[in-house]
Amino acid sequence: MESFFTWQTLMTYSGATLATTLVTQFLKEIPFVSRVPARVLSYFTALVMILAATFVMTGLTWRDAVMAFINAAAVALAANGAFDAIRE
């Protein structure tokens, strides 16, 4: 394996969920970011990653951007649920 994540991995549901969970937990420790609710932070983290991966892999059209907003909600909810399950 050359790298942990690839753009292609981030284009999958499971890859985006794992990356969102990891990045959100890292970002929560930054002082000015810690004021943002974790669920909001995970949504925007997922959105940025999905938009970036789509842009790099296929180019970003307005249709892809609209779908990214919807997909980011699904990924963020899965990431939050996975973290809550692990924490318990």
PDB file of N, CA and C in Angstrom:
ATOM      1  N   MET A   1       0.846  -1.163   0.000  1.00  0.00           N
ATOM      2  CA  MET A   1       0.000   0.000   0.000  1.00  0.00           C
ATOM      3  C   MET A   1       0.899   1.236   0.000  1.00  0.00           C
ATOM      4  N   GLU A   2       0.679   2.112  -0.961  1.00  0.00           N
ATOM      5  CA  GLU A   2       1.492   3.318  -1.065  1.00  0.00           C
ATOM      6  C   GLU A   2       1.030   4.420  -0.128  1.00  0.00           C
ATOM      7  N   SER A   3      -0.254   4.477   0.133  1.00  0.00           N
ATOM      8  CA  SER A   3      -0.782   5.539   0.981  1.00  0.00           C
ATOM      9  C   SER A   3      -1.997   5.026   1.738  1.00  0.00           C
ATOM     10  N   PHE A   4      -2.336   5.715   2.807  1.00  0.00           N
ATOM     11  CA  PHE A   4      -3.484   5.315   3.602  1.00  0.00           C
ATOM     12  C   PHE A   4      -4.791   5.651   2.896  1.00  0.00           C
ATOM     13  N   PHE A   5      -4.894   6.857   2.373  1.00  0.00           N
ATOM     14  CA  PHE A   5      -6.081   7.282   1.648  1.00  0.00           C
ATOM     15  C   PHE A   5      -5.681   7.720   0.250  1.00  0.00           C
ATOM     16  N   THR A   6      -6.543   7.450  -0.690  1.00  0.00           N
ATOM     17  CA  THR A   6      -6.381   7.960  -2.049  1.00  0.00           C
ATOM     18  C   THR A   6      -7.651   8.742  -2.375  1.00  0.00           C
ATOM     19  N   TRP A   7      -7.603   9.500  -3.449  1.00  0.00           N
ATOM     20  CA  TRP A   7      -8.800  10.235  -3.859  1.00  0.00           C
ATOM     21  C   TRP A   7      -9.917   9.267  -4.186  1.00  0.00           C
ATOM     22  N   GLN A   8      -9.559   8.139  -4.758  1.00  0.00           N
ATOM     23  CA  GLN A   8     -10.567   7.134  -5.097  1.00  0.00           C
ATOM     24  C   GLN A   8     -11.208   6.553  -3.838  1.00  0.00           C
ATOM     25  N   THR A   9     -10.409   6.348  -2.788  1.00  0.00           N
ATOM     26  CA  THR A   9     -10.942   5.853  -1.522  1.00  0.00           C
ATOM     27  C   THR A   9     -11.913   6.860  -0.916  1.00  0.00           C
ATOM     28  N   LEU A  10     -11.574   8.142  -1.003  1.00  0.00           N
ATOM     29  CA  LEU A  10     -12.454   9.175  -0.446  1.00  0.00           C
ATOM     30  C   LEU A  10     -13.764   9.302  -1.215  1.00  0.00           C
ATOM     31  N   MET A  11     -13.806   8.762  -2.425  1.00  0.00           N
ATOM     32  CA  MET A  11     -15.040   8.800  -3.216  1.00  0.00           C
ATOM     33  C   MET A  11     -16.014   7.698  -2.793  1.00  0.00           C
ATOM     34  N   THR A  12     -15.576   6.778  -1.941  1.00  0.00           N
ATOM     35  CA  THR A  12     -16.474   5.726  -1.470  1.00  0.00           C
ATOM     36  C   THR A  12     -17.126   6.160  -0.160  1.00  0.00           C
ATOM     37  N   TYR A  13     -18.249   5.565   0.125  1.00  0.00           N
ATOM     38  CA  TYR A  13     -18.985   5.893   1.346  1.00  0.00           C
ATOM     39  C   TYR A  13     -18.166   5.550   2.593  1.00  0.00           C
ATOM     40  N   SER A  14     -17.596   4.372   2.608  1.00  0.00           N
ATOM     41  CA  SER A  14     -16.834   3.959   3.795  1.00  0.00           C
ATOM     42  C   SER A  14     -15.550   4.765   3.947  1.00  0.00           C
ATOM     43  N   GLY A  15     -14.879   5.067   2.857  1.00  0.00           N
ATOM     44  CA  GLY A  15     -13.662   5.881   2.929  1.00  0.00           C
ATOM     45  C   GLY A  15     -13.952   7.288   3.409  1.00  0.00           C
ATOM     46  N   ALA A  16     -15.027   7.879   2.889  1.00  0.00           N
ATOM     47  CA  ALA A  16     -15.399   9.229   3.309  1.00  0.00           C
ATOM     48  C   ALA A  16     -15.835   9.252   4.773  1.00  0.00           C
ATOM     49  N   THR A  17     -16.523   8.203   5.212  1.00  0.00           N
ATOM     50  CA  THR A  17     -16.957   8.136   6.604  1.00  0.00           C
ATOM     51  C   THR A  17     -15.771   8.024   7.552  1.00  0.00           C
ATOM     52  N   LEU A  18     -14.841   7.146   7.234  1.00  0.00           N
ATOM     53  CA  LEU A  18     -13.661   6.984   8.081  1.00  0.00           C
ATOM     54  C   LEU A  18     -12.834   8.265   8.122  1.00  0.00           C
ATOM     55  N   ALA A  19     -12.594   8.861   6.971  1.00  0.00           N
ATOM     56  CA  ALA A  19     -11.809  10.091   6.919  1.00  0.00           C
ATOM     57  C   ALA A  19     -12.501  11.225   7.671  1.00  0.00           C
ATOM     58  N   THR A  20     -13.814  11.324   7.541  1.00  0.00           N
ATOM     59  CA  THR A  20     -14.565  12.357   8.255  1.00  0.00           C
ATOM     60  C   THR A  20     -14.450  12.170   9.767  1.00  0.00           C
ATOM     61  N   THR A  21     -14.569  10.930  10.225  1.00  0.00           N
ATOM     62  CA  THR A  21     -14.435  10.655  11.651  1.00  0.00           C
ATOM     63  C   THR A  21     -13.061  11.071  12.161  1.00  0.00           C
ATOM     64  N   LEU A  22     -12.022  10.683  11.456  1.00  0.00           N
ATOM     65  CA  LEU A  22     -10.662  10.984  11.896  1.00  0.00           C
ATOM     66  C   LEU A  22     -10.363  12.482  11.887  1.00  0.00           C
ATOM     67  N   VAL A  23     -10.708  13.144  10.806  1.00  0.00           N
ATOM     68  CA  VAL A  23     -10.408  14.574  10.684  1.00  0.00           C
ATOM     69  C   VAL A  23     -11.230  15.387  11.685  1.00  0.00           C
ATOM     70  N   THR A  24     -12.485  15.016  11.878  1.00  0.00           N
ATOM     71  CA  THR A  24     -13.323  15.733  12.836  1.00  0.00           C
ATOM     72  C   THR A  24     -12.759  15.628  14.246  1.00  0.00           C
ATOM     73  N   GLN A  25     -12.334  14.434  14.637  1.00  0.00           N
ATOM     74  CA  GLN A  25     -11.763  14.270  15.976  1.00  0.00           C
ATOM     75  C   GLN A  25     -10.482  15.073  16.142  1.00  0.00           C
ATOM     76  N   PHE A  26      -9.707  15.177  15.091  1.00  0.00           N
ATOM     77  CA  PHE A  26      -8.490  15.983  15.133  1.00  0.00           C
ATOM     78  C   PHE A  26      -8.830  17.472  15.235  1.00  0.00           C
ATOM     79  N   LEU A  27      -9.784  17.925  14.435  1.00  0.00           N
ATOM     80  CA  LEU A  27     -10.132  19.346  14.403  1.00  0.00           C
ATOM     81  C   LEU A  27     -10.800  19.821  15.690  1.00  0.00           C
ATOM     82  N   LYS A  28     -11.500  18.921  16.386  1.00  0.00           N
ATOM     83  CA  LYS A  28     -12.190  19.305  17.623  1.00  0.00           C
ATOM     84  C   LYS A  28     -11.227  19.807  18.696  1.00  0.00           C
ATOM     85  N   GLU A  29      -9.981  19.463  18.602  1.00  0.00           N
ATOM     86  CA  GLU A  29      -8.989  19.864  19.603  1.00  0.00           C
ATOM     87  C   GLU A  29      -8.413  21.249  19.360  1.00  0.00           C
ATOM     88  N   ILE A  30      -8.673  21.844  18.207  1.00  0.00           N
ATOM     89  CA  ILE A  30      -8.170  23.183  17.893  1.00  0.00           C
ATOM     90  C   ILE A  30      -9.043  24.197  18.641  1.00  0.00           C
ATOM     91  N   PRO A  31      -8.427  25.127  19.389  1.00  0.00           N
ATOM     92  CA  PRO A  31      -9.201  26.019  20.270  1.00  0.00           C
ATOM     93  C   PRO A  31     -10.354  26.768  19.612  1.00  0.00           C
ATOM     94  N   PHE A  32     -10.134  27.440  18.498  1.00  0.00           N
ATOM     95  CA  PHE A  32     -11.226  28.225  17.913  1.00  0.00           C
ATOM     96  C   PHE A  32     -12.255  27.343  17.207  1.00  0.00           C
ATOM     97  N   VAL A  33     -11.891  26.136  16.852  1.00  0.00           N
ATOM     98  CA  VAL A  33     -12.824  25.208  16.214  1.00  0.00           C
ATOM     99  C   VAL A  33     -13.651  24.468  17.262  1.00  0.00           C
ATOM    100  N   SER A  34     -13.130  24.343  18.464  1.00  0.00           N
ATOM    101  CA  SER A  34     -13.815  23.578  19.505  1.00  0.00           C
ATOM    102  C   SER A  34     -15.159  24.195  19.900  1.00  0.00           C
ATOM    103  N   ARG A  35     -15.394  25.441  19.535  1.00  0.00           N
ATOM    104  CA  ARG A  35     -16.681  26.089  19.829  1.00  0.00           C
ATOM    105  C   ARG A  35     -17.788  25.641  18.879  1.00  0.00           C
ATOM    106  N   VAL A  36     -17.403  25.054  17.756  1.00  0.00           N
ATOM    107  CA  VAL A  36     -18.382  24.582  16.773  1.00  0.00           C
ATOM    108  C   VAL A  36     -18.893  23.210  17.220  1.00  0.00           C
ATOM    109  N   PRO A  37     -20.216  22.988  17.203  1.00  0.00           N
ATOM    110  CA  PRO A  37     -20.727  21.666  17.565  1.00  0.00           C
ATOM    111  C   PRO A  37     -20.131  20.569  16.671  1.00  0.00           C
ATOM    112  N   ALA A  38     -19.855  19.424  17.264  1.00  0.00           N
ATOM    113  CA  ALA A  38     -19.187  18.331  16.547  1.00  0.00           C
ATOM    114  C   ALA A  38     -19.978  17.873  15.325  1.00  0.00           C
ATOM    115  N   ARG A  39     -21.292  17.856  15.416  1.00  0.00           N
ATOM    116  CA  ARG A  39     -22.107  17.407  14.284  1.00  0.00           C
ATOM    117  C   ARG A  39     -22.021  18.382  13.111  1.00  0.00           C
ATOM    118  N   VAL A  40     -21.950  19.653  13.398  1.00  0.00           N
ATOM    119  CA  VAL A  40     -21.796  20.656  12.342  1.00  0.00           C
ATOM    120  C   VAL A  40     -20.399  20.553  11.736  1.00  0.00           C
ATOM    121  N   LEU A  41     -19.410  20.393  12.592  1.00  0.00           N
ATOM    122  CA  LEU A  41     -18.036  20.254  12.126  1.00  0.00           C
ATOM    123  C   LEU A  41     -17.877  19.027  11.241  1.00  0.00           C
ATOM    124  N   SER A  42     -18.493  17.916  11.622  1.00  0.00           N
ATOM    125  CA  SER A  42     -18.365  16.707  10.806  1.00  0.00           C
ATOM    126  C   SER A  42     -19.067  16.867   9.462  1.00  0.00           C
ATOM    127  N   TYR A  43     -20.184  17.602   9.428  1.00  0.00           N
ATOM    128  CA  TYR A  43     -20.854  17.837   8.144  1.00  0.00           C
ATOM    129  C   TYR A  43     -19.958  18.635   7.205  1.00  0.00           C
ATOM    130  N   PHE A  44     -19.375  19.722   7.694  1.00  0.00           N
ATOM    131  CA  PHE A  44     -18.533  20.535   6.829  1.00  0.00           C
ATOM    132  C   PHE A  44     -17.239  19.821   6.455  1.00  0.00           C
ATOM    133  N   THR A  45     -16.732  18.987   7.348  1.00  0.00           N
ATOM    134  CA  THR A  45     -15.558  18.178   7.020  1.00  0.00           C
ATOM    135  C   THR A  45     -15.893  17.212   5.890  1.00  0.00           C
ATOM    136  N   ALA A  46     -17.022  16.531   6.007  1.00  0.00           N
ATOM    137  CA  ALA A  46     -17.448  15.597   4.960  1.00  0.00           C
ATOM    138  C   ALA A  46     -17.678  16.332   3.642  1.00  0.00           C
ATOM    139  N   LEU A  47     -18.306  17.478   3.710  1.00  0.00           N
ATOM    140  CA  LEU A  47     -18.599  18.248   2.499  1.00  0.00           C
ATOM    141  C   LEU A  47     -17.318  18.649   1.777  1.00  0.00           C
ATOM    142  N   VAL A  48     -16.355  19.170   2.520  1.00  0.00           N
ATOM    143  CA  VAL A  48     -15.091  19.594   1.898  1.00  0.00           C
ATOM    144  C   VAL A  48     -14.370  18.403   1.276  1.00  0.00           C
ATOM    145  N   MET A  49     -14.339  17.279   1.990  1.00  0.00           N
ATOM    146  CA  MET A  49     -13.652  16.107   1.447  1.00  0.00           C
ATOM    147  C   MET A  49     -14.339  15.560   0.207  1.00  0.00           C
ATOM    148  N   ILE A  50     -15.662  15.503   0.216  1.00  0.00           N
ATOM    149  CA  ILE A  50     -16.388  14.995  -0.944  1.00  0.00           C
ATOM    150  C   ILE A  50     -16.225  15.929  -2.134  1.00  0.00           C
ATOM    151  N   LEU A  51     -16.324  17.237  -1.896  1.00  0.00           N
ATOM    152  CA  LEU A  51     -16.135  18.195  -2.991  1.00  0.00           C
ATOM    153  C   LEU A  51     -14.719  18.106  -3.565  1.00  0.00           C
ATOM    154  N   ALA A  52     -13.724  18.009  -2.687  1.00  0.00           N
ATOM    155  CA  ALA A  52     -12.334  17.923  -3.153  1.00  0.00           C
ATOM    156  C   ALA A  52     -12.093  16.638  -3.932  1.00  0.00           C
ATOM    157  N   ALA A  53     -12.571  15.518  -3.419  1.00  0.00           N
ATOM    158  CA  ALA A  53     -12.365  14.239  -4.102  1.00  0.00           C
ATOM    159  C   ALA A  53     -13.070  14.217  -5.451  1.00  0.00           C
ATOM    160  N   THR A  54     -14.268  14.759  -5.506  1.00  0.00           N
ATOM    161  CA  THR A  54     -15.004  14.817  -6.776  1.00  0.00           C
ATOM    162  C   THR A  54     -14.280  15.717  -7.772  1.00  0.00           C
ATOM    163  N   PHE A  55     -13.811  16.853  -7.307  1.00  0.00           N
ATOM    164  CA  PHE A  55     -13.090  17.784  -8.181  1.00  0.00           C
ATOM    165  C   PHE A  55     -11.845  17.128  -8.766  1.00  0.00           C
ATOM    166  N   VAL A  56     -11.083  16.448  -7.930  1.00  0.00           N
ATOM    167  CA  VAL A  56      -9.836  15.835  -8.386  1.00  0.00           C
ATOM    168  C   VAL A  56     -10.100  14.651  -9.310  1.00  0.00           C
ATOM    169  N   MET A  57     -11.089  13.830  -8.983  1.00  0.00           N
ATOM    170  CA  MET A  57     -11.315  12.599  -9.747  1.00  0.00           C
ATOM    171  C   MET A  57     -12.063  12.823 -11.064  1.00  0.00           C
ATOM    172  N   THR A  58     -13.098  13.639 -11.047  1.00  0.00           N
ATOM    173  CA  THR A  58     -13.942  13.747 -12.239  1.00  0.00           C
ATOM    174  C   THR A  58     -14.196  15.168 -12.691  1.00  0.00           C
ATOM    175  N   GLY A  59     -13.766  16.143 -11.929  1.00  0.00           N
ATOM    176  CA  GLY A  59     -14.139  17.519 -12.219  1.00  0.00           C
ATOM    177  C   GLY A  59     -15.466  17.800 -11.534  1.00  0.00           C
ATOM    178  N   LEU A  60     -15.672  19.018 -11.128  1.00  0.00           N
ATOM    179  CA  LEU A  60     -16.848  19.354 -10.332  1.00  0.00           C
ATOM    180  C   LEU A  60     -17.856  20.121 -11.175  1.00  0.00           C
ATOM    181  N   THR A  61     -19.029  19.535 -11.334  1.00  0.00           N
ATOM    182  CA  THR A  61     -20.123  20.222 -12.010  1.00  0.00           C
ATOM    183  C   THR A  61     -21.120  20.675 -10.947  1.00  0.00           C
ATOM    184  N   TRP A  62     -22.043  21.508 -11.326  1.00  0.00           N
ATOM    185  CA  TRP A  62     -23.023  21.972 -10.351  1.00  0.00           C
ATOM    186  C   TRP A  62     -23.888  20.818  -9.859  1.00  0.00           C
ATOM    187  N   ARG A  63     -24.132  19.828 -10.712  1.00  0.00           N
ATOM    188  CA  ARG A  63     -24.911  18.655 -10.299  1.00  0.00           C
ATOM    189  C   ARG A  63     -24.155  17.845  -9.250  1.00  0.00           C
ATOM    190  N   ASP A  64     -22.857  17.691  -9.464  1.00  0.00           N
ATOM    191  CA  ASP A  64     -22.035  16.984  -8.478  1.00  0.00           C
ATOM    192  C   ASP A  64     -21.998  17.739  -7.159  1.00  0.00           C
ATOM    193  N   ALA A  65     -21.940  19.058  -7.228  1.00  0.00           N
ATOM    194  CA  ALA A  65     -21.899  19.874  -6.016  1.00  0.00           C
ATOM    195  C   ALA A  65     -23.184  19.726  -5.209  1.00  0.00           C
ATOM    196  N   VAL A  66     -24.326  19.713  -5.891  1.00  0.00           N
ATOM    197  CA  VAL A  66     -25.601  19.533  -5.203  1.00  0.00           C
ATOM    198  C   VAL A  66     -25.645  18.170  -4.527  1.00  0.00           C
ATOM    199  N   MET A  67     -25.203  17.136  -5.232  1.00  0.00           N
ATOM    200  CA  MET A  67     -25.184  15.793  -4.646  1.00  0.00           C
ATOM    201  C   MET A  67     -24.202  15.705  -3.484  1.00  0.00           C
ATOM    202  N   ALA A  68     -23.137  16.476  -3.534  1.00  0.00           N
ATOM    203  CA  ALA A  68     -22.158  16.472  -2.443  1.00  0.00           C
ATOM    204  C   ALA A  68     -22.786  16.957  -1.145  1.00  0.00           C
ATOM    205  N   PHE A  69     -23.672  17.938  -1.217  1.00  0.00           N
ATOM    206  CA  PHE A  69     -24.347  18.428  -0.006  1.00  0.00           C
ATOM    207  C   PHE A  69     -25.206  17.325   0.623  1.00  0.00           C
ATOM    208  N   ILE A  70     -25.878  16.549  -0.215  1.00  0.00           N
ATOM    209  CA  ILE A  70     -26.711  15.456   0.285  1.00  0.00           C
ATOM    210  C   ILE A  70     -25.843  14.315   0.810  1.00  0.00           C
ATOM    211  N   ASN A  71     -24.829  13.937   0.045  1.00  0.00           N
ATOM    212  CA  ASN A  71     -23.936  12.850   0.464  1.00  0.00           C
ATOM    213  C   ASN A  71     -23.179  13.203   1.736  1.00  0.00           C
ATOM    214  N   ALA A  72     -22.821  14.468   1.897  1.00  0.00           N
ATOM    215  CA  ALA A  72     -22.108  14.894   3.102  1.00  0.00           C
ATOM    216  C   ALA A  72     -22.972  14.694   4.342  1.00  0.00           C
ATOM    217  N   ALA A  73     -24.268  14.890   4.213  1.00  0.00           N
ATOM    218  CA  ALA A  73     -25.162  14.659   5.356  1.00  0.00           C
ATOM    219  C   ALA A  73     -25.155  13.188   5.745  1.00  0.00           C
ATOM    220  N   ALA A  74     -25.226  12.301   4.755  1.00  0.00           N
ATOM    221  CA  ALA A  74     -25.214  10.866   5.045  1.00  0.00           C
ATOM    222  C   ALA A  74     -23.884  10.433   5.662  1.00  0.00           C
ATOM    223  N   VAL A  75     -22.793  10.945   5.119  1.00  0.00           N
ATOM    224  CA  VAL A  75     -21.461  10.596   5.631  1.00  0.00           C
ATOM    225  C   VAL A  75     -21.282  11.137   7.047  1.00  0.00           C
ATOM    226  N   ALA A  76     -21.688  12.370   7.297  1.00  0.00           N
ATOM    227  CA  ALA A  76     -21.534  12.966   8.627  1.00  0.00           C
ATOM    228  C   ALA A  76     -22.362  12.214   9.667  1.00  0.00           C
ATOM    229  N   LEU A  77     -23.576  11.844   9.315  1.00  0.00           N
ATOM    230  CA  LEU A  77     -24.399  11.078  10.255  1.00  0.00           C
ATOM    231  C   LEU A  77     -23.773   9.720  10.560  1.00  0.00           C
ATOM    232  N   ALA A  78     -23.225   9.067   9.541  1.00  0.00           N
ATOM    233  CA  ALA A  78     -22.564   7.775   9.758  1.00  0.00           C
ATOM    234  C   ALA A  78     -21.314   7.943  10.612  1.00  0.00           C
ATOM    235  N   ALA A  79     -20.554   8.997  10.353  1.00  0.00           N
ATOM    236  CA  ALA A  79     -19.337   9.246  11.133  1.00  0.00           C
ATOM    237  C   ALA A  79     -19.677   9.531  12.591  1.00  0.00           C
ATOM    238  N   ASN A  80     -20.707  10.325  12.822  1.00  0.00           N
ATOM    239  CA  ASN A  80     -21.129  10.617  14.200  1.00  0.00           C
ATOM    240  C   ASN A  80     -21.623   9.366  14.903  1.00  0.00           C
ATOM    241  N   GLY A  81     -22.386   8.559  14.211  1.00  0.00           N
ATOM    242  CA  GLY A  81     -22.885   7.319  14.786  1.00  0.00           C
ATOM    243  C   GLY A  81     -21.774   6.338  15.098  1.00  0.00           C
ATOM    244  N   ALA A  82     -20.796   6.240  14.203  1.00  0.00           N
ATOM    245  CA  ALA A  82     -19.670   5.340  14.438  1.00  0.00           C
ATOM    246  C   ALA A  82     -18.862   5.801  15.642  1.00  0.00           C
ATOM    247  N   PHE A  83     -18.633   7.097  15.753  1.00  0.00           N
ATOM    248  CA  PHE A  83     -17.876   7.597  16.893  1.00  0.00           C
ATOM    249  C   PHE A  83     -18.639   7.367  18.200  1.00  0.00           C
ATOM    250  N   ASP A  84     -19.941   7.605  18.184  1.00  0.00           N
ATOM    251  CA  ASP A  84     -20.748   7.385  19.391  1.00  0.00           C
ATOM    252  C   ASP A  84     -20.726   5.909  19.802  1.00  0.00           C
ATOM    253  N   ALA A  85     -20.773   5.019  18.822  1.00  0.00           N
ATOM    254  CA  ALA A  85     -20.738   3.582  19.122  1.00  0.00           C
ATOM    255  C   ALA A  85     -19.396   3.174  19.708  1.00  0.00           C
ATOM    256  N   ILE A  86     -18.318   3.721  19.188  1.00  0.00           N
ATOM    257  CA  ILE A  86     -16.979   3.395  19.688  1.00  0.00           C
ATOM    258  C   ILE A  86     -16.790   3.949  21.098  1.00  0.00           C
ATOM    259  N   ARG A  87     -17.287   5.155  21.313  1.00  0.00           N
ATOM    260  CA  ARG A  87     -17.127   5.809  22.618  1.00  0.00           C
ATOM    261  C   ARG A  87     -17.856   5.071  23.718  1.00  0.00           C
ATOM    262  N   GLU A  88     -18.993   4.458  23.408  1.00  0.00           N
ATOM    263  CA  GLU A  88     -19.748   3.711  24.414  1.00  0.00           C
ATOM    264  C   GLU A  88     -19.068   2.416  24.623  1.00  0.00           C
TER     265      GLU A  88
END
